[in-house]
N, C-alpha and C. Protein backbone atom coordinates (compact mmCIF):
# COMPACT_ATOMS: atom_id res chain seq x y z
N MET A 1 -4.76 -11.28 0.27
CA MET A 1 -5.65 -10.68 -0.70
C MET A 1 -7.08 -10.87 -0.24
N ARG A 2 -7.87 -9.82 -0.31
CA ARG A 2 -9.25 -9.84 0.12
C ARG A 2 -10.12 -10.48 -0.97
N PRO A 3 -11.08 -11.35 -0.62
CA PRO A 3 -11.93 -11.96 -1.63
C PRO A 3 -12.81 -10.90 -2.31
N VAL A 4 -13.09 -11.12 -3.57
CA VAL A 4 -13.90 -10.21 -4.35
C VAL A 4 -15.21 -10.89 -4.69
N ARG A 5 -16.32 -10.20 -4.46
CA ARG A 5 -17.63 -10.75 -4.78
C ARG A 5 -18.07 -10.18 -6.11
N LEU A 6 -18.37 -11.04 -7.05
CA LEU A 6 -18.80 -10.62 -8.38
C LEU A 6 -20.24 -11.04 -8.59
N THR A 7 -21.02 -10.17 -9.19
CA THR A 7 -22.41 -10.47 -9.50
C THR A 7 -22.60 -10.27 -10.98
N PHE A 8 -23.23 -11.23 -11.63
CA PHE A 8 -23.48 -11.15 -13.05
C PHE A 8 -24.98 -11.22 -13.30
N THR A 9 -25.43 -10.44 -14.24
CA THR A 9 -26.82 -10.47 -14.65
C THR A 9 -26.88 -11.19 -15.99
N LYS A 10 -27.76 -12.17 -16.07
CA LYS A 10 -27.91 -12.93 -17.31
C LYS A 10 -29.17 -12.46 -18.02
N PHE A 11 -29.02 -12.12 -19.26
CA PHE A 11 -30.16 -11.69 -20.05
C PHE A 11 -30.76 -12.91 -20.75
N PRO A 12 -32.08 -12.95 -20.91
CA PRO A 12 -32.74 -14.13 -21.51
C PRO A 12 -32.15 -14.54 -22.85
N GLN A 13 -31.82 -13.58 -23.73
CA GLN A 13 -31.28 -13.94 -25.04
C GLN A 13 -29.91 -14.63 -24.91
N GLU A 14 -29.10 -14.23 -23.89
CA GLU A 14 -27.81 -14.88 -23.69
C GLU A 14 -27.98 -16.29 -23.15
N LEU A 15 -28.94 -16.48 -22.26
CA LEU A 15 -29.17 -17.82 -21.72
C LEU A 15 -29.59 -18.78 -22.83
N SER A 16 -30.46 -18.32 -23.73
CA SER A 16 -30.93 -19.22 -24.80
C SER A 16 -29.80 -19.56 -25.76
N ARG A 17 -28.81 -18.71 -25.87
CA ARG A 17 -27.69 -18.98 -26.78
C ARG A 17 -26.50 -19.61 -26.06
N GLY A 18 -26.57 -19.70 -24.72
CA GLY A 18 -25.50 -20.35 -23.96
C GLY A 18 -24.23 -19.53 -23.86
N ARG A 19 -24.32 -18.20 -23.96
CA ARG A 19 -23.13 -17.36 -23.96
C ARG A 19 -22.68 -16.90 -22.57
N SER A 20 -23.59 -16.71 -21.66
CA SER A 20 -23.21 -16.08 -20.39
C SER A 20 -22.19 -16.91 -19.62
N ARG A 21 -22.29 -18.21 -19.63
CA ARG A 21 -21.35 -19.06 -18.92
C ARG A 21 -19.93 -18.86 -19.46
N ASP A 22 -19.80 -18.77 -20.78
CA ASP A 22 -18.48 -18.56 -21.37
C ASP A 22 -17.88 -17.22 -20.96
N ARG A 23 -18.71 -16.19 -20.91
CA ARG A 23 -18.21 -14.87 -20.52
C ARG A 23 -17.73 -14.88 -19.08
N VAL A 24 -18.47 -15.50 -18.20
CA VAL A 24 -18.07 -15.56 -16.80
C VAL A 24 -16.77 -16.32 -16.67
N ARG A 25 -16.64 -17.43 -17.34
CA ARG A 25 -15.43 -18.24 -17.26
C ARG A 25 -14.23 -17.45 -17.79
N THR A 26 -14.38 -16.75 -18.90
CA THR A 26 -13.29 -15.98 -19.46
C THR A 26 -12.87 -14.86 -18.51
N PHE A 27 -13.84 -14.16 -17.94
CA PHE A 27 -13.52 -13.09 -17.01
C PHE A 27 -12.81 -13.64 -15.78
N TYR A 28 -13.28 -14.74 -15.24
CA TYR A 28 -12.68 -15.31 -14.05
C TYR A 28 -11.24 -15.72 -14.31
N THR A 29 -10.98 -16.32 -15.45
CA THR A 29 -9.62 -16.73 -15.79
C THR A 29 -8.71 -15.50 -15.89
N SER A 30 -9.18 -14.44 -16.54
CA SER A 30 -8.38 -13.23 -16.68
C SER A 30 -8.11 -12.61 -15.32
N PHE A 31 -9.12 -12.58 -14.46
CA PHE A 31 -8.96 -12.01 -13.13
C PHE A 31 -7.96 -12.82 -12.32
N THR A 32 -8.01 -14.12 -12.40
CA THR A 32 -7.07 -14.99 -11.68
C THR A 32 -5.65 -14.75 -12.17
N ASP A 33 -5.45 -14.66 -13.47
CA ASP A 33 -4.13 -14.41 -14.01
C ASP A 33 -3.59 -13.07 -13.55
N LEU A 34 -4.44 -12.05 -13.52
CA LEU A 34 -4.03 -10.73 -13.09
C LEU A 34 -3.59 -10.74 -11.63
N SER A 35 -4.35 -11.41 -10.78
CA SER A 35 -3.99 -11.42 -9.36
C SER A 35 -2.69 -12.18 -9.13
N LYS A 36 -2.41 -13.22 -9.90
CA LYS A 36 -1.15 -13.94 -9.77
C LYS A 36 0.02 -13.03 -10.15
N LYS A 37 -0.15 -12.25 -11.21
CA LYS A 37 0.92 -11.35 -11.63
C LYS A 37 1.21 -10.32 -10.56
N SER A 38 0.17 -9.75 -9.95
CA SER A 38 0.40 -8.72 -8.94
C SER A 38 1.07 -9.29 -7.70
N ARG A 39 0.80 -10.56 -7.36
CA ARG A 39 1.45 -11.16 -6.21
C ARG A 39 2.92 -11.45 -6.48
N ASP A 40 3.26 -11.73 -7.75
CA ASP A 40 4.64 -12.06 -8.11
C ASP A 40 5.51 -10.82 -8.28
N MET A 41 4.89 -9.65 -8.38
CA MET A 41 5.64 -8.43 -8.61
C MET A 41 6.44 -8.07 -7.35
N SER A 42 7.71 -7.78 -7.53
CA SER A 42 8.55 -7.41 -6.39
C SER A 42 8.86 -5.92 -6.46
N VAL A 43 9.30 -5.40 -5.33
CA VAL A 43 9.65 -3.98 -5.24
C VAL A 43 11.01 -3.77 -5.90
N PRO A 44 11.10 -2.83 -6.83
CA PRO A 44 12.40 -2.58 -7.47
C PRO A 44 13.41 -2.01 -6.48
N GLU A 45 14.67 -2.21 -6.79
CA GLU A 45 15.76 -1.69 -5.95
C GLU A 45 15.76 -0.17 -6.06
N GLY A 46 15.86 0.50 -4.92
CA GLY A 46 15.86 1.96 -4.91
C GLY A 46 17.20 2.52 -4.47
N ASN A 47 17.36 3.82 -4.60
CA ASN A 47 18.56 4.54 -4.22
C ASN A 47 18.23 5.34 -2.96
N ALA A 48 18.87 5.01 -1.85
CA ALA A 48 18.57 5.66 -0.56
C ALA A 48 18.89 7.15 -0.58
N ASP A 49 19.94 7.56 -1.30
CA ASP A 49 20.28 8.99 -1.36
C ASP A 49 19.18 9.79 -2.07
N LYS A 50 18.68 9.23 -3.17
CA LYS A 50 17.56 9.88 -3.86
C LYS A 50 16.31 9.84 -2.98
N GLY A 51 16.15 8.74 -2.26
CA GLY A 51 15.00 8.58 -1.37
C GLY A 51 14.99 9.62 -0.25
N LYS A 52 16.17 10.01 0.22
CA LYS A 52 16.25 11.04 1.26
C LYS A 52 15.69 12.35 0.74
N LYS A 53 16.01 12.67 -0.52
CA LYS A 53 15.48 13.89 -1.13
C LYS A 53 13.96 13.84 -1.24
N VAL A 54 13.44 12.67 -1.63
CA VAL A 54 11.99 12.49 -1.71
C VAL A 54 11.37 12.68 -0.33
N PHE A 55 12.00 12.09 0.69
CA PHE A 55 11.49 12.20 2.05
C PHE A 55 11.45 13.65 2.50
N VAL A 56 12.53 14.39 2.27
CA VAL A 56 12.60 15.79 2.68
C VAL A 56 11.52 16.62 1.96
N GLN A 57 11.32 16.36 0.68
CA GLN A 57 10.36 17.13 -0.11
C GLN A 57 8.91 16.77 0.22
N LYS A 58 8.63 15.49 0.47
CA LYS A 58 7.24 15.07 0.54
C LYS A 58 6.78 14.50 1.87
N CYS A 59 7.72 14.15 2.76
CA CYS A 59 7.32 13.46 3.99
C CYS A 59 7.73 14.18 5.28
N ALA A 60 8.85 14.89 5.23
CA ALA A 60 9.45 15.45 6.45
C ALA A 60 8.57 16.50 7.13
N GLN A 61 7.64 17.07 6.42
CA GLN A 61 6.75 18.05 7.03
C GLN A 61 5.90 17.38 8.12
N CYS A 62 5.58 16.09 7.93
CA CYS A 62 4.70 15.38 8.87
C CYS A 62 5.37 14.25 9.64
N HIS A 63 6.54 13.76 9.20
CA HIS A 63 7.19 12.60 9.81
C HIS A 63 8.65 12.87 10.15
N THR A 64 9.16 12.16 11.15
CA THR A 64 10.58 12.11 11.47
C THR A 64 11.02 10.66 11.39
N VAL A 65 12.34 10.44 11.25
CA VAL A 65 12.84 9.07 11.12
C VAL A 65 13.82 8.67 12.22
N GLU A 66 14.38 9.64 12.95
CA GLU A 66 15.42 9.31 13.93
C GLU A 66 14.82 8.59 15.13
N ALA A 67 15.59 7.70 15.71
CA ALA A 67 15.16 6.95 16.90
C ALA A 67 14.88 7.93 18.02
N GLY A 68 13.73 7.81 18.65
CA GLY A 68 13.35 8.69 19.74
C GLY A 68 12.85 10.05 19.28
N GLY A 69 12.70 10.22 17.96
CA GLY A 69 12.22 11.49 17.44
C GLY A 69 10.77 11.75 17.80
N LYS A 70 10.40 13.03 17.72
CA LYS A 70 9.04 13.42 18.08
C LYS A 70 8.06 13.05 16.97
N HIS A 71 6.82 12.84 17.38
CA HIS A 71 5.74 12.72 16.42
C HIS A 71 5.37 14.12 15.96
N LYS A 72 5.01 14.24 14.72
CA LYS A 72 4.50 15.50 14.18
C LYS A 72 3.03 15.25 13.86
N THR A 73 2.56 15.74 12.74
CA THR A 73 1.20 15.43 12.29
C THR A 73 1.07 13.93 12.07
N GLY A 74 2.15 13.32 11.60
CA GLY A 74 2.24 11.87 11.43
C GLY A 74 3.21 11.30 12.44
N PRO A 75 3.22 9.98 12.59
CA PRO A 75 4.08 9.36 13.60
C PRO A 75 5.56 9.36 13.20
N ASN A 76 6.43 9.26 14.21
CA ASN A 76 7.84 9.02 13.98
C ASN A 76 7.96 7.64 13.33
N LEU A 77 8.80 7.51 12.34
CA LEU A 77 8.89 6.27 11.57
C LEU A 77 10.02 5.34 12.01
N SER A 78 10.71 5.66 13.07
CA SER A 78 11.78 4.80 13.56
C SER A 78 11.22 3.42 13.90
N GLY A 79 11.89 2.38 13.43
CA GLY A 79 11.42 1.01 13.69
C GLY A 79 10.22 0.62 12.85
N LEU A 80 10.01 1.30 11.74
CA LEU A 80 8.83 1.07 10.90
C LEU A 80 8.75 -0.36 10.37
N PHE A 81 9.86 -0.87 9.83
CA PHE A 81 9.84 -2.20 9.21
C PHE A 81 9.66 -3.28 10.28
N GLY A 82 8.66 -4.11 10.08
CA GLY A 82 8.36 -5.17 11.03
C GLY A 82 7.32 -4.77 12.07
N ARG A 83 6.88 -3.52 12.05
CA ARG A 83 5.87 -3.05 12.99
C ARG A 83 4.49 -3.13 12.33
N LYS A 84 3.48 -3.45 13.11
CA LYS A 84 2.11 -3.48 12.60
C LYS A 84 1.57 -2.05 12.47
N THR A 85 0.59 -1.89 11.58
CA THR A 85 -0.02 -0.57 11.40
C THR A 85 -0.64 -0.09 12.69
N GLY A 86 -0.55 1.21 12.92
CA GLY A 86 -1.18 1.83 14.08
C GLY A 86 -0.55 1.49 15.41
N GLN A 87 0.77 1.21 15.44
CA GLN A 87 1.40 0.74 16.67
C GLN A 87 2.55 1.60 17.18
N ALA A 88 2.82 2.76 16.60
CA ALA A 88 3.90 3.61 17.12
C ALA A 88 3.46 4.18 18.46
N ALA A 89 4.24 3.93 19.49
CA ALA A 89 3.89 4.36 20.85
C ALA A 89 3.77 5.88 20.92
N GLY A 90 2.69 6.35 21.55
CA GLY A 90 2.51 7.77 21.78
C GLY A 90 1.83 8.53 20.66
N PHE A 91 1.47 7.86 19.57
CA PHE A 91 0.77 8.53 18.47
C PHE A 91 -0.68 8.06 18.44
N THR A 92 -1.60 8.98 18.19
CA THR A 92 -3.02 8.64 18.14
C THR A 92 -3.40 8.33 16.69
N TYR A 93 -3.71 7.06 16.45
CA TYR A 93 -4.08 6.59 15.12
C TYR A 93 -5.59 6.50 14.97
N THR A 94 -6.04 6.50 13.73
CA THR A 94 -7.45 6.22 13.46
C THR A 94 -7.70 4.73 13.66
N ASP A 95 -8.95 4.36 13.84
CA ASP A 95 -9.30 2.94 13.96
C ASP A 95 -8.93 2.20 12.69
N ALA A 96 -9.04 2.87 11.54
CA ALA A 96 -8.70 2.23 10.27
C ALA A 96 -7.25 1.76 10.27
N ASN A 97 -6.34 2.59 10.78
CA ASN A 97 -4.93 2.22 10.85
C ASN A 97 -4.70 1.11 11.86
N LYS A 98 -5.32 1.23 13.02
CA LYS A 98 -5.14 0.21 14.06
C LYS A 98 -5.66 -1.15 13.62
N ASN A 99 -6.75 -1.15 12.87
CA ASN A 99 -7.41 -2.40 12.50
C ASN A 99 -6.95 -3.00 11.18
N LYS A 100 -6.10 -2.31 10.44
CA LYS A 100 -5.64 -2.83 9.14
C LYS A 100 -4.93 -4.17 9.32
N GLY A 101 -4.11 -4.28 10.36
CA GLY A 101 -3.52 -5.56 10.71
C GLY A 101 -2.39 -6.05 9.82
N ILE A 102 -1.77 -5.19 9.05
CA ILE A 102 -0.63 -5.64 8.25
C ILE A 102 0.66 -5.22 8.93
N THR A 103 1.74 -5.88 8.57
CA THR A 103 3.06 -5.54 9.10
C THR A 103 3.81 -4.79 8.01
N TRP A 104 4.40 -3.66 8.37
CA TRP A 104 5.12 -2.86 7.38
C TRP A 104 6.38 -3.57 6.90
N ALA A 105 6.47 -3.69 5.60
CA ALA A 105 7.61 -4.28 4.90
C ALA A 105 7.70 -3.58 3.55
N GLU A 106 8.70 -3.93 2.76
CA GLU A 106 8.86 -3.29 1.46
C GLU A 106 7.61 -3.43 0.60
N ASP A 107 7.04 -4.64 0.55
CA ASP A 107 5.90 -4.87 -0.33
C ASP A 107 4.64 -4.13 0.13
N THR A 108 4.41 -4.04 1.44
CA THR A 108 3.23 -3.32 1.91
C THR A 108 3.40 -1.81 1.73
N LEU A 109 4.60 -1.30 1.96
CA LEU A 109 4.86 0.12 1.73
C LEU A 109 4.74 0.48 0.25
N TRP A 110 5.15 -0.44 -0.61
CA TRP A 110 5.08 -0.21 -2.05
C TRP A 110 3.64 0.11 -2.46
N VAL A 111 2.70 -0.67 -1.98
CA VAL A 111 1.29 -0.47 -2.31
C VAL A 111 0.74 0.75 -1.57
N TYR A 112 1.04 0.87 -0.29
CA TYR A 112 0.53 1.97 0.53
C TYR A 112 0.96 3.33 -0.01
N LEU A 113 2.23 3.48 -0.34
CA LEU A 113 2.75 4.78 -0.76
C LEU A 113 2.21 5.23 -2.12
N GLU A 114 1.70 4.31 -2.89
CA GLU A 114 1.10 4.70 -4.17
C GLU A 114 -0.21 5.47 -3.93
N ASN A 115 -1.00 5.01 -2.97
CA ASN A 115 -2.28 5.67 -2.68
C ASN A 115 -2.71 5.30 -1.25
N PRO A 116 -2.25 6.04 -0.24
CA PRO A 116 -2.53 5.69 1.15
C PRO A 116 -4.01 5.57 1.49
N LYS A 117 -4.83 6.47 0.98
CA LYS A 117 -6.26 6.44 1.31
C LYS A 117 -6.97 5.24 0.70
N LYS A 118 -6.47 4.75 -0.41
CA LYS A 118 -7.06 3.56 -1.02
C LYS A 118 -6.64 2.31 -0.24
N TYR A 119 -5.40 2.26 0.21
CA TYR A 119 -4.88 1.09 0.92
C TYR A 119 -5.46 0.98 2.32
N ILE A 120 -5.61 2.13 2.99
CA ILE A 120 -6.22 2.15 4.33
C ILE A 120 -7.34 3.19 4.31
N PRO A 121 -8.53 2.79 3.84
CA PRO A 121 -9.65 3.73 3.85
C PRO A 121 -9.95 4.19 5.27
N GLY A 122 -10.08 5.48 5.45
CA GLY A 122 -10.34 6.04 6.77
C GLY A 122 -9.10 6.57 7.46
N THR A 123 -7.93 6.45 6.83
CA THR A 123 -6.71 7.00 7.41
C THR A 123 -6.79 8.53 7.41
N LYS A 124 -6.13 9.16 8.38
CA LYS A 124 -6.12 10.62 8.39
C LYS A 124 -4.93 11.19 7.63
N MET A 125 -4.12 10.32 7.06
CA MET A 125 -2.98 10.79 6.26
C MET A 125 -3.51 11.45 4.99
N VAL A 126 -3.17 12.72 4.79
CA VAL A 126 -3.72 13.47 3.66
C VAL A 126 -2.84 13.40 2.41
N PHE A 127 -1.72 12.75 2.49
CA PHE A 127 -0.79 12.64 1.36
C PHE A 127 -1.45 11.86 0.22
N ALA A 128 -1.37 12.40 -0.99
CA ALA A 128 -2.03 11.78 -2.15
C ALA A 128 -1.32 10.53 -2.65
N GLY A 129 -0.04 10.38 -2.35
CA GLY A 129 0.70 9.20 -2.78
C GLY A 129 1.78 9.52 -3.78
N LEU A 130 2.61 8.52 -4.04
CA LEU A 130 3.71 8.63 -5.02
C LEU A 130 3.37 7.71 -6.19
N LYS A 131 3.05 8.29 -7.32
CA LYS A 131 2.68 7.49 -8.49
C LYS A 131 3.92 6.97 -9.24
N LYS A 132 5.02 7.73 -9.17
CA LYS A 132 6.23 7.33 -9.88
C LYS A 132 6.92 6.18 -9.15
N LYS A 133 7.11 5.08 -9.85
CA LYS A 133 7.69 3.88 -9.24
C LYS A 133 9.10 4.12 -8.73
N GLY A 134 9.88 4.90 -9.46
CA GLY A 134 11.25 5.19 -9.05
C GLY A 134 11.30 5.94 -7.73
N GLU A 135 10.43 6.93 -7.58
CA GLU A 135 10.38 7.69 -6.32
C GLU A 135 9.98 6.79 -5.16
N ARG A 136 9.00 5.92 -5.39
CA ARG A 136 8.56 5.01 -4.32
C ARG A 136 9.69 4.06 -3.93
N ALA A 137 10.37 3.51 -4.91
CA ALA A 137 11.48 2.58 -4.64
C ALA A 137 12.59 3.28 -3.87
N ASP A 138 12.91 4.51 -4.29
CA ASP A 138 13.95 5.28 -3.61
C ASP A 138 13.55 5.61 -2.17
N LEU A 139 12.31 6.01 -1.97
CA LEU A 139 11.83 6.34 -0.63
C LEU A 139 11.87 5.11 0.27
N ILE A 140 11.45 3.98 -0.23
CA ILE A 140 11.47 2.75 0.57
C ILE A 140 12.90 2.39 0.94
N ALA A 141 13.84 2.54 0.00
CA ALA A 141 15.26 2.26 0.29
C ALA A 141 15.76 3.20 1.40
N TYR A 142 15.38 4.46 1.32
CA TYR A 142 15.78 5.42 2.36
C TYR A 142 15.15 5.06 3.71
N LEU A 143 13.87 4.76 3.73
CA LEU A 143 13.20 4.42 4.98
C LEU A 143 13.79 3.17 5.59
N LYS A 144 14.15 2.21 4.74
CA LYS A 144 14.73 0.97 5.25
C LYS A 144 16.08 1.25 5.93
N SER A 145 16.87 2.13 5.34
CA SER A 145 18.19 2.42 5.90
C SER A 145 18.11 3.37 7.11
N SER A 146 17.16 4.28 7.12
CA SER A 146 17.14 5.31 8.16
C SER A 146 16.24 4.98 9.35
N THR A 147 15.37 4.00 9.23
CA THR A 147 14.44 3.71 10.34
C THR A 147 14.77 2.40 11.05
N SER A 148 15.85 1.76 10.67
CA SER A 148 16.21 0.49 11.30
C SER A 148 16.54 0.73 12.76
N SER A 149 16.03 -0.16 13.59
CA SER A 149 16.26 -0.02 15.05
C SER A 149 17.68 -0.37 15.44
């Protein structure tokens, strides 16, 4: 998790009443609780058959999954799990993808597939993302079964 820098402005009337410190403490506690919850959240179990349909409808135009398959607009996804971002041989990635430095797994794909441009700012992937949790879970199940080396 990347550190977050917070800046607070204290108004003179709040300082004289001693309120600003309490507000900062309350916000910090809420923020800490929220980040703990998001770290504990796991990827739901998906259906690979449904995931194949999602892949065909939303991903196959730009990606392939078979071992030794060609790159299209996006890279071939064979061997995806356990590979670092920007590392598929023979595909030209943006610096943002190369420098992200994460390893693809269920949890990283879960966040990435919701909003790729937010997860990797500067990526050339134009896909808007999958907002429906069921579709994401199904797609991840399909990718896990179809891209294994």
